[in-house]
Protein backbone atom coordinates (compact mmCIF):
# COMPACT_ATOMS: atom_id res chain seq x y z
CA MET A 1 -0.10 -0.04 0.14
CA SER A 2 1.51 3.25 -1.23
CA THR A 3 1.37 6.20 0.70
CA LEU A 4 0.46 9.23 -1.39
CA THR A 5 1.81 12.76 -0.15
CA GLU A 6 0.77 15.92 -1.61
CA ALA A 7 3.37 18.25 -2.33
CA PRO A 8 2.70 21.59 -0.60
CA PRO A 9 1.49 24.20 -2.70
CA ALA A 10 4.10 26.40 -4.14
CA LEU A 11 4.06 29.95 -2.52
CA ASP A 12 3.23 32.60 -5.13
CA SER A 13 6.14 34.94 -5.34
CA GLY A 14 4.09 37.38 -6.67
CA SER A 15 1.78 37.71 -3.84
CA ARG A 16 4.77 38.43 -1.36
CA ALA A 17 6.61 40.66 -3.46
CA PRO A 18 4.38 44.00 -3.06
CA ARG A 19 5.16 44.14 0.74
CA PRO A 20 8.84 44.95 0.63
CA VAL A 21 7.99 47.08 -2.24
CA LYS A 22 5.57 49.05 -0.11
CA ARG A 23 7.85 49.10 2.87
CA GLU A 24 10.56 50.51 0.71
CA ARG A 25 8.21 52.95 -1.04
CA ARG A 26 6.86 54.25 2.28
CA ARG A 27 10.32 54.62 3.81
CA TRP A 28 11.41 56.66 0.97
CA ASP A 29 8.38 58.87 1.35
CA LEU A 30 8.89 59.34 5.02
CA THR A 31 12.40 60.23 4.03
CA ALA A 32 11.14 62.62 1.46
CA VAL A 33 8.77 64.35 3.82
CA GLY A 34 11.57 64.71 6.74
CA GLY A 35 13.87 66.23 4.12
CA VAL A 36 11.37 68.77 2.99
CA ILE A 37 10.59 69.75 6.59
CA ALA A 38 14.30 69.73 7.39
CA LEU A 39 14.83 72.24 4.49
CA ILE A 40 12.19 74.47 5.67
CA PHE A 41 13.79 74.79 8.92
CA LEU A 42 17.03 75.27 7.60
CA ALA A 43 16.08 77.87 4.98
CA PRO A 44 16.89 80.84 7.04
CA TYR A 45 20.09 79.73 8.19
CA LEU A 46 21.16 79.05 4.55
CA ILE A 47 20.12 82.18 3.66
CA MET A 48 21.93 83.97 6.49
CA LEU A 49 24.78 82.04 5.52
CA SER A 50 24.61 83.05 1.67
CA GLY A 51 24.22 86.63 3.09
CA ALA A 52 27.28 86.51 5.18
CA PHE A 53 29.12 86.07 1.94
CA LYS A 54 27.61 88.93 0.08
CA SER A 55 28.48 92.44 -0.41
CA ARG A 56 26.02 95.13 1.14
CA PRO A 57 24.76 96.20 -2.34
CA GLU A 58 24.25 92.88 -3.42
CA ILE A 59 22.12 91.97 -0.15
CA LEU A 60 19.88 95.06 -1.05
CA LYS A 61 19.49 94.18 -4.72
CA VAL A 62 15.77 93.44 -6.22
CA PRO A 63 15.07 91.05 -7.21
CA PRO A 64 17.34 89.27 -4.64
CA THR A 65 19.76 86.56 -5.31
CA TYR A 66 19.99 83.32 -3.18
CA LEU A 67 23.68 82.71 -4.15
CA PRO A 68 26.46 85.49 -3.98
CA ALA A 69 27.09 86.70 -7.69
CA GLU A 70 30.88 87.68 -5.78
CA TRP A 71 31.98 85.92 -2.79
CA HIS A 72 33.35 88.08 -0.03
CA PRO A 73 34.74 85.67 2.80
CA GLU A 74 36.74 88.60 3.99
CA ASN A 75 33.26 89.89 5.82
CA PHE A 76 34.29 87.31 8.70
CA LEU A 77 37.68 89.06 9.04
CA THR A 78 36.96 92.75 8.77
CA MET A 79 33.84 92.65 10.99
CA TRP A 80 36.28 92.01 13.84
CA GLY A 81 37.82 95.34 13.30
CA THR A 82 34.48 97.54 12.73
CA PRO A 83 34.15 100.76 14.57
CA GLU A 84 30.50 99.85 15.78
CA THR A 85 31.46 97.60 18.54
CA PRO A 86 34.66 95.67 19.67
CA LEU A 87 33.49 92.21 18.54
CA PRO A 88 36.45 90.07 20.35
CA ASP A 89 35.47 91.83 23.65
CA ASN A 90 31.53 91.01 23.14
CA LEU A 91 32.39 87.23 22.20
CA TRP A 92 34.81 86.94 25.26
CA SER A 93 32.01 88.56 27.50
CA THR A 94 29.49 86.18 26.09
CA VAL A 95 31.70 83.06 26.87
CA VAL A 96 32.19 84.37 30.45
CA ILE A 97 28.91 85.25 30.97
CA SER A 98 27.36 81.87 29.68
CA ILE A 99 29.82 79.69 31.47
CA GLY A 100 29.73 81.59 34.91
CA GLY A 101 25.65 81.44 34.60
CA THR A 102 25.34 77.81 33.88
CA LEU A 103 27.73 76.44 36.48
CA LEU A 104 26.24 78.79 39.12
CA ALA A 105 22.75 77.72 38.36
CA LEU A 106 23.90 74.10 38.33
CA VAL A 107 25.71 74.25 41.76
CA ALA A 108 22.73 75.72 43.24
CA ALA A 109 19.99 73.25 41.47
CA VAL A 110 21.68 70.00 42.14
CA PRO A 111 21.70 70.04 45.80
CA ALA A 112 17.95 71.84 45.93
CA ALA A 113 16.91 69.12 43.58
CA TYR A 114 18.37 66.52 45.58
CA PHE A 115 16.79 67.79 48.69
CA THR A 116 13.30 68.28 47.35
CA ALA A 117 13.59 64.66 45.72
CA ARG A 118 14.78 62.82 49.11
CA HIS A 119 13.04 64.84 51.57
CA ASN A 120 9.22 64.99 52.32
CA PHE A 121 8.33 68.14 54.15
CA ARG A 122 5.17 70.09 54.71
CA LEU A 123 5.86 73.10 52.26
CA LYS A 124 7.24 70.90 49.38
CA MET A 125 4.74 71.43 46.77
CA PRO A 126 4.34 75.24 47.49
CA PHE A 127 8.00 75.66 47.29
CA LEU A 128 8.42 73.86 44.10
CA LEU A 129 5.46 75.65 42.40
CA LEU A 130 7.20 78.84 43.86
CA VAL A 131 10.27 78.10 42.02
CA LEU A 132 8.33 77.50 39.05
CA ILE A 133 6.48 80.60 39.56
CA THR A 134 9.62 82.50 39.07
CA GLN A 135 10.26 81.20 35.70
CA MET A 136 7.31 83.21 34.33
CA LEU A 137 9.34 86.60 35.50
CA GLN A 138 11.24 87.70 32.60
CA PRO A 139 14.40 89.82 32.77
CA THR A 140 12.56 92.46 30.77
CA VAL A 141 10.04 92.96 33.38
CA LEU A 142 12.65 93.45 36.09
CA ALA A 143 15.34 95.15 34.36
CA SER A 144 14.63 98.41 35.80
CA GLY A 145 14.76 96.93 39.46
CA LEU A 146 17.85 94.80 38.81
CA PHE A 147 19.35 97.74 37.74
CA ARG A 148 18.96 99.64 40.55
CA GLU A 149 19.79 96.74 42.94
CA PHE A 150 23.21 96.39 41.14
CA VAL A 151 23.86 100.13 41.16
CA THR A 152 23.43 99.87 45.03
CA LEU A 153 25.41 97.01 45.14
CA GLU A 154 28.02 98.56 42.75
CA LEU A 155 28.09 95.50 40.66
CA ASN A 156 26.58 97.59 37.78
CA ASP A 157 28.02 96.86 34.32
CA THR A 158 30.24 93.86 35.70
CA TYR A 159 30.16 90.32 34.50
CA LEU A 160 28.99 89.33 37.83
CA SER A 161 25.86 91.20 37.72
CA MET A 162 24.87 89.04 34.54
CA ILE A 163 26.13 85.86 35.93
CA LEU A 164 24.07 86.43 38.73
CA VAL A 165 20.86 87.34 36.72
CA ASN A 166 21.27 84.65 34.09
CA ALA A 167 21.59 81.91 37.03
CA ALA A 168 18.73 83.26 38.96
CA PHE A 169 16.33 83.23 35.93
CA ASN A 170 17.62 79.73 34.88
CA LEU A 171 17.36 78.34 38.30
CA SER A 172 13.92 77.22 38.44
CA PHE A 173 14.11 74.97 35.03
CA ALA A 174 17.33 73.55 36.64
CA VAL A 175 15.71 72.73 39.66
CA TRP A 176 12.76 70.99 38.24
CA ILE A 177 14.90 68.92 35.76
CA MET A 178 17.23 67.54 38.26
CA HIS A 179 14.41 67.03 40.70
CA SER A 180 12.49 64.64 38.25
CA PHE A 181 16.03 62.62 37.64
CA PHE A 182 16.81 62.53 41.38
CA SER A 183 13.15 61.19 41.94
CA ALA A 184 13.46 58.67 39.30
CA VAL A 185 16.39 56.72 41.38
CA PRO A 186 15.23 54.24 43.75
CA LYS A 187 15.96 55.11 47.31
CA GLU A 188 17.26 51.48 47.84
CA ILE A 189 20.38 52.43 45.73
CA GLU A 190 21.38 55.10 48.13
CA GLU A 191 20.52 53.15 51.19
CA ALA A 192 22.78 50.32 50.15
CA ALA A 193 25.41 52.83 49.76
CA TRP A 194 24.56 54.13 53.55
CA LEU A 195 25.18 50.64 54.55
CA ASP A 196 28.60 50.31 53.11
CA GLY A 197 29.82 53.45 55.18
CA CYS A 198 29.00 56.19 52.73
CA SER A 199 27.90 59.57 54.08
CA ARG A 200 24.94 61.55 52.29
CA PHE A 201 27.38 63.86 50.61
CA ASP A 202 29.55 60.91 49.34
CA SER A 203 26.47 58.78 48.30
CA MET A 204 25.19 61.84 46.30
CA ARG A 205 28.78 62.57 44.54
CA ARG A 206 29.54 58.96 43.80
CA ILE A 207 26.26 57.27 43.34
CA MET A 208 23.32 59.52 42.55
CA LEU A 209 25.42 62.09 40.31
CA PRO A 210 26.53 59.37 37.91
CA LEU A 211 22.92 57.81 37.81
CA VAL A 212 21.33 61.59 36.96
CA TRP A 213 24.28 62.39 34.32
CA PRO A 214 21.41 62.63 31.28
CA GLY A 215 19.92 65.38 33.57
CA ILE A 216 22.98 67.29 34.38
CA VAL A 217 23.62 67.17 30.67
CA THR A 218 20.26 68.43 29.53
CA THR A 219 20.40 71.18 32.41
CA VAL A 220 23.68 72.26 31.16
CA VAL A 221 22.78 72.58 27.46
CA PHE A 222 19.53 74.30 28.07
CA THR A 223 20.55 76.76 30.65
CA PHE A 224 23.84 77.52 28.49
CA ILE A 225 21.70 78.19 25.53
CA ALA A 226 19.48 80.52 27.55
CA CYS A 227 22.58 82.37 28.86
CA TRP A 228 23.91 82.64 25.38
CA ASN A 229 20.80 84.10 23.78
CA GLU A 230 19.89 86.54 26.71
CA PHE A 231 19.42 90.21 25.53
CA ALA A 232 16.96 92.43 27.48
CA ALA A 233 18.85 92.47 30.93
CA SER A 234 22.30 92.63 29.19
CA LEU A 235 21.02 95.86 27.05
CA ILE A 236 20.28 97.67 30.45
CA LEU A 237 22.86 96.36 32.91
CA LEU A 238 25.91 96.38 30.71
CA PRO A 239 26.20 99.84 28.92
CA THR A 240 29.97 99.63 28.31
CA ASP A 241 30.52 98.38 24.72
CA THR A 242 33.40 95.96 26.06
CA ASN A 243 31.22 94.35 28.54
CA GLN A 244 28.14 93.57 26.23
CA PRO A 245 27.47 90.27 24.79
CA LEU A 246 27.16 89.20 21.11
CA THR A 247 23.18 89.64 21.26
CA VAL A 248 23.45 93.33 22.10
CA ALA A 249 26.82 93.88 19.81
CA LEU A 250 24.55 92.58 16.92
CA THR A 251 21.92 95.49 17.17
CA LYS A 252 25.20 98.06 16.80
CA PHE A 253 25.29 96.97 13.08
CA VAL A 254 21.79 98.02 12.39
CA GLY A 255 21.79 101.89 12.01
CA GLN A 256 18.62 104.35 11.64
CA TYR A 257 19.85 105.28 8.18
CA ASP A 258 22.69 102.57 7.18
CA SER A 259 22.75 99.02 8.24
CA ALA A 260 25.91 96.42 7.71
CA TRP A 261 23.81 93.75 6.84
CA GLN A 262 26.68 91.32 5.57
CA TYR A 263 28.20 92.00 9.31
CA VAL A 264 24.53 91.24 10.89
CA PHE A 265 24.80 88.06 9.02
CA ALA A 266 28.21 87.13 9.48
CA VAL A 267 28.32 87.78 13.03
CA SER A 268 24.85 85.64 13.57
CA ILE A 269 26.68 82.66 12.19
CA ILE A 270 29.51 83.27 14.32
CA GLY A 271 27.17 83.34 17.31
CA ILE A 272 25.16 80.13 16.76
CA LEU A 273 28.20 77.83 15.80
CA PRO A 274 29.21 77.55 19.63
CA VAL A 275 26.15 76.57 20.50
CA VAL A 276 25.45 73.94 17.62
CA ILE A 277 28.72 72.52 18.32
CA LEU A 278 28.27 72.52 22.11
CA PHE A 279 24.97 70.39 21.50
CA ALA A 280 26.45 68.33 18.95
CA LEU A 281 29.35 67.45 21.38
CA ILE A 282 27.16 66.94 24.44
CA GLU A 283 24.30 64.93 22.64
CA LYS A 284 26.55 62.04 22.39
CA ARG A 285 27.19 62.10 26.34
CA LEU A 286 23.52 62.37 26.64
CA VAL A 287 22.77 59.41 24.47
CA ALA A 288 25.45 57.41 26.50
CA GLY A 289 24.26 58.63 29.71
CA LEU A 290 21.06 56.81 29.55
CA THR A 291 22.39 53.60 29.89
CA ALA A 292 25.02 54.50 32.40
CA GLY A 293 24.54 52.88 35.99
CA GLY A 294 21.89 50.47 34.44
CA VAL A 295 24.09 47.55 34.92
CA LYS A 296 26.70 47.06 37.68
């Protein structure tokens, strides 16, 4: 008696072919849409970069040109010696104020966020809400009061005044960001460190800070960008040209009857480059920090 076995039906290759094709087409469609969206957001920066290499008459030419008819890379050199403002001093002021304000905000925010995350006290939520409300007060509103206060303290027109202002107005954001990261760390990890003989300060320094490294990086990035872009308080508290940051110095090239637009574009490019480079460098540390401390 022979047993007949039927061969399995052959798979129709044509029925499975459309699926990879559809996936590939969908991937390319999403790539094209993402490219268009990226081009829309990058268009102002590309126009600014193109204008930095143009002469002033070409920038004011009607109809405008997208690419320079004659390239002027010397704009990035001559802008440093223009009579409008001392740009080297302005760049140095921006770096000092931004780094100082970021470090001061971080030094004050880390212990405050650690304390609010690890201690339950009666006025905990009102305190955090009060810290959050201070974020609503912009330097523009308090500029006149800050000016009189720093004049009384004889700190007006100094780097220290702007470092204090930038740190104060970014402190609430830093505290809330760090508070959420400290709260996410289980208390048992810190209690185990205490059993091993670590003090509270040592456990925070050696155990907690490495675990909340992504929060520290996030706080540093956003605080530094906010300090770098600050304008209103610097305009009032720093009247001397050599002490003003780039945000204020940029306005010196725009006059009532004449404007050096080629220098405006060039200074703007110089102003955004450090922030872009910083974000690109710290983003890698942020991604690496997301898994740091997950496995011991």
